[in-house]
Amino acid sequence: MATKKSVKKAAKKAAKKSTRKYSPAAGKQVETEMREMKAGKLKSGRSGKKVTNPKQAIAIGLSEARKKGAKVPAKKS
């Protein structure tokens, strides 16, 4: 049987783990970009080429969210 101390520790660890890194607004922006990509309407920035890679669509969505001021972690450099 688990002791009170171990139960508290597990609850604290679970609470720490569930902190949101991205705001709901950022998630919504990524969702929008993914829909555009699937419809074949998403274009990349400068070149204007059609985006077919889901990872690229996510990156574009996060970039747009960042520009709008949504809570998104800084880019890795």
C-alpha atoms as a PDB file:
ATOM      1  CA  MET A   1       0.000   0.000   0.000  1.00  0.00           C
ATOM      2  CA  ALA A   2       1.243   3.463  -0.924  1.00  0.00           C
ATOM      3  CA  THR A   3       2.118   5.849   1.847  1.00  0.00           C
ATOM      4  CA  LYS A   4       0.761   9.378   2.070  1.00  0.00           C
ATOM      5  CA  LYS A   5       4.169  10.789   1.214  1.00  0.00           C
ATOM      6  CA  SER A   6       4.533   8.766  -2.022  1.00  0.00           C
ATOM      7  CA  VAL A   7       0.974   9.631  -3.096  1.00  0.00           C
ATOM      8  CA  LYS A   8       1.627  13.350  -2.521  1.00  0.00           C
ATOM      9  CA  LYS A   9       4.902  13.122  -4.444  1.00  0.00           C
ATOM     10  CA  ALA A  10       3.196  11.412  -7.400  1.00  0.00           C
ATOM     11  CA  ALA A  11       0.415  14.015  -7.439  1.00  0.00           C
ATOM     12  CA  LYS A  12       2.970  16.837  -7.389  1.00  0.00           C
ATOM     13  CA  LYS A  13       4.910  15.240 -10.258  1.00  0.00           C
ATOM     14  CA  ALA A  14       1.714  14.824 -12.325  1.00  0.00           C
ATOM     15  CA  ALA A  15       0.737  18.449 -11.712  1.00  0.00           C
ATOM     16  CA  LYS A  16       4.174  19.635 -12.798  1.00  0.00           C
ATOM     17  CA  LYS A  17       4.066  17.491 -15.934  1.00  0.00           C
ATOM     18  CA  SER A  18       0.746  18.893 -17.178  1.00  0.00           C
ATOM     19  CA  THR A  19       1.804  22.524 -17.512  1.00  0.00           C
ATOM     20  CA  ARG A  20       0.883  23.884 -20.929  1.00  0.00           C
ATOM     21  CA  LYS A  21       3.751  24.907 -23.160  1.00  0.00           C
ATOM     22  CA  TYR A  22       1.511  26.269 -25.918  1.00  0.00           C
ATOM     23  CA  SER A  23      -1.588  28.395 -25.451  1.00  0.00           C
ATOM     24  CA  PRO A  24      -4.969  27.247 -26.824  1.00  0.00           C
ATOM     25  CA  ALA A  25      -4.759  30.117 -29.333  1.00  0.00           C
ATOM     26  CA  ALA A  26      -1.499  28.679 -30.687  1.00  0.00           C
ATOM     27  CA  GLY A  27      -3.103  25.261 -31.041  1.00  0.00           C
ATOM     28  CA  LYS A  28      -6.000  26.756 -32.932  1.00  0.00           C
ATOM     29  CA  GLN A  29      -3.625  28.548 -35.321  1.00  0.00           C
ATOM     30  CA  VAL A  30      -1.744  25.300 -36.025  1.00  0.00           C
ATOM     31  CA  GLU A  31      -5.070  23.533 -36.609  1.00  0.00           C
ATOM     32  CA  THR A  32      -6.046  26.185 -39.165  1.00  0.00           C
ATOM     33  CA  GLU A  33      -2.735  25.848 -41.006  1.00  0.00           C
ATOM     34  CA  MET A  34      -3.061  22.042 -41.076  1.00  0.00           C
ATOM     35  CA  ARG A  35      -6.523  22.332 -42.628  1.00  0.00           C
ATOM     36  CA  GLU A  36      -5.136  24.691 -45.279  1.00  0.00           C
ATOM     37  CA  MET A  37      -2.298  22.256 -46.006  1.00  0.00           C
ATOM     38  CA  LYS A  38      -4.688  19.332 -46.395  1.00  0.00           C
ATOM     39  CA  ALA A  39      -6.851  21.401 -48.738  1.00  0.00           C
ATOM     40  CA  GLY A  40      -3.732  22.238 -50.770  1.00  0.00           C
ATOM     41  CA  LYS A  41      -3.996  25.982 -50.154  1.00  0.00           C
ATOM     42  CA  LEU A  42      -1.080  26.533 -47.775  1.00  0.00           C
ATOM     43  CA  LYS A  43       1.876  28.320 -49.343  1.00  0.00           C
ATOM     44  CA  SER A  44       5.313  28.897 -47.855  1.00  0.00           C
ATOM     45  CA  GLY A  45       6.522  32.414 -47.109  1.00  0.00           C
ATOM     46  CA  ARG A  46       8.958  33.807 -49.649  1.00  0.00           C
ATOM     47  CA  SER A  47       8.911  31.251 -52.444  1.00  0.00           C
ATOM     48  CA  GLY A  48       5.138  30.775 -52.381  1.00  0.00           C
ATOM     49  CA  LYS A  49       5.501  27.030 -53.021  1.00  0.00           C
ATOM     50  CA  LYS A  50       2.773  24.672 -51.859  1.00  0.00           C
ATOM     51  CA  VAL A  51       3.403  23.133 -48.442  1.00  0.00           C
ATOM     52  CA  THR A  52       2.995  19.329 -48.334  1.00  0.00           C
ATOM     53  CA  ASN A  53       4.926  18.480 -45.159  1.00  0.00           C
ATOM     54  CA  PRO A  54       2.853  18.453 -41.927  1.00  0.00           C
ATOM     55  CA  LYS A  55       5.891  19.501 -39.856  1.00  0.00           C
ATOM     56  CA  GLN A  56       6.293  22.566 -42.042  1.00  0.00           C
ATOM     57  CA  ALA A  57       2.589  23.379 -41.609  1.00  0.00           C
ATOM     58  CA  ILE A  58       2.998  23.188 -37.823  1.00  0.00           C
ATOM     59  CA  ALA A  59       6.040  25.466 -37.973  1.00  0.00           C
ATOM     60  CA  ILE A  60       4.094  28.005 -40.036  1.00  0.00           C
ATOM     61  CA  GLY A  61       1.172  27.835 -37.583  1.00  0.00           C
ATOM     62  CA  LEU A  62       3.431  28.429 -34.577  1.00  0.00           C
ATOM     63  CA  SER A  63       5.165  31.281 -36.368  1.00  0.00           C
ATOM     64  CA  GLU A  64       1.817  32.946 -37.124  1.00  0.00           C
ATOM     65  CA  ALA A  65       0.710  32.435 -33.502  1.00  0.00           C
ATOM     66  CA  ARG A  66       3.963  34.019 -32.303  1.00  0.00           C
ATOM     67  CA  LYS A  67       3.314  37.066 -34.514  1.00  0.00           C
ATOM     68  CA  LYS A  68      -0.203  37.409 -33.052  1.00  0.00           C
ATOM     69  CA  GLY A  69       1.204  37.328 -29.509  1.00  0.00           C
ATOM     70  CA  ALA A  70       0.032  33.866 -28.398  1.00  0.00           C
ATOM     71  CA  LYS A  71       1.999  31.977 -25.741  1.00  0.00           C
ATOM     72  CA  VAL A  72       4.517  29.917 -27.713  1.00  0.00           C
ATOM     73  CA  PRO A  73       8.018  28.909 -26.548  1.00  0.00           C
ATOM     74  CA  ALA A  74      10.909  30.635 -28.304  1.00  0.00           C
ATOM     75  CA  LYS A  75      12.485  28.943 -31.314  1.00  0.00           C
ATOM     76  CA  LYS A  76      15.394  26.585 -30.620  1.00  0.00           C
ATOM     77  CA  SER A  77      18.630  27.977 -31.949  1.00  0.00           C
END
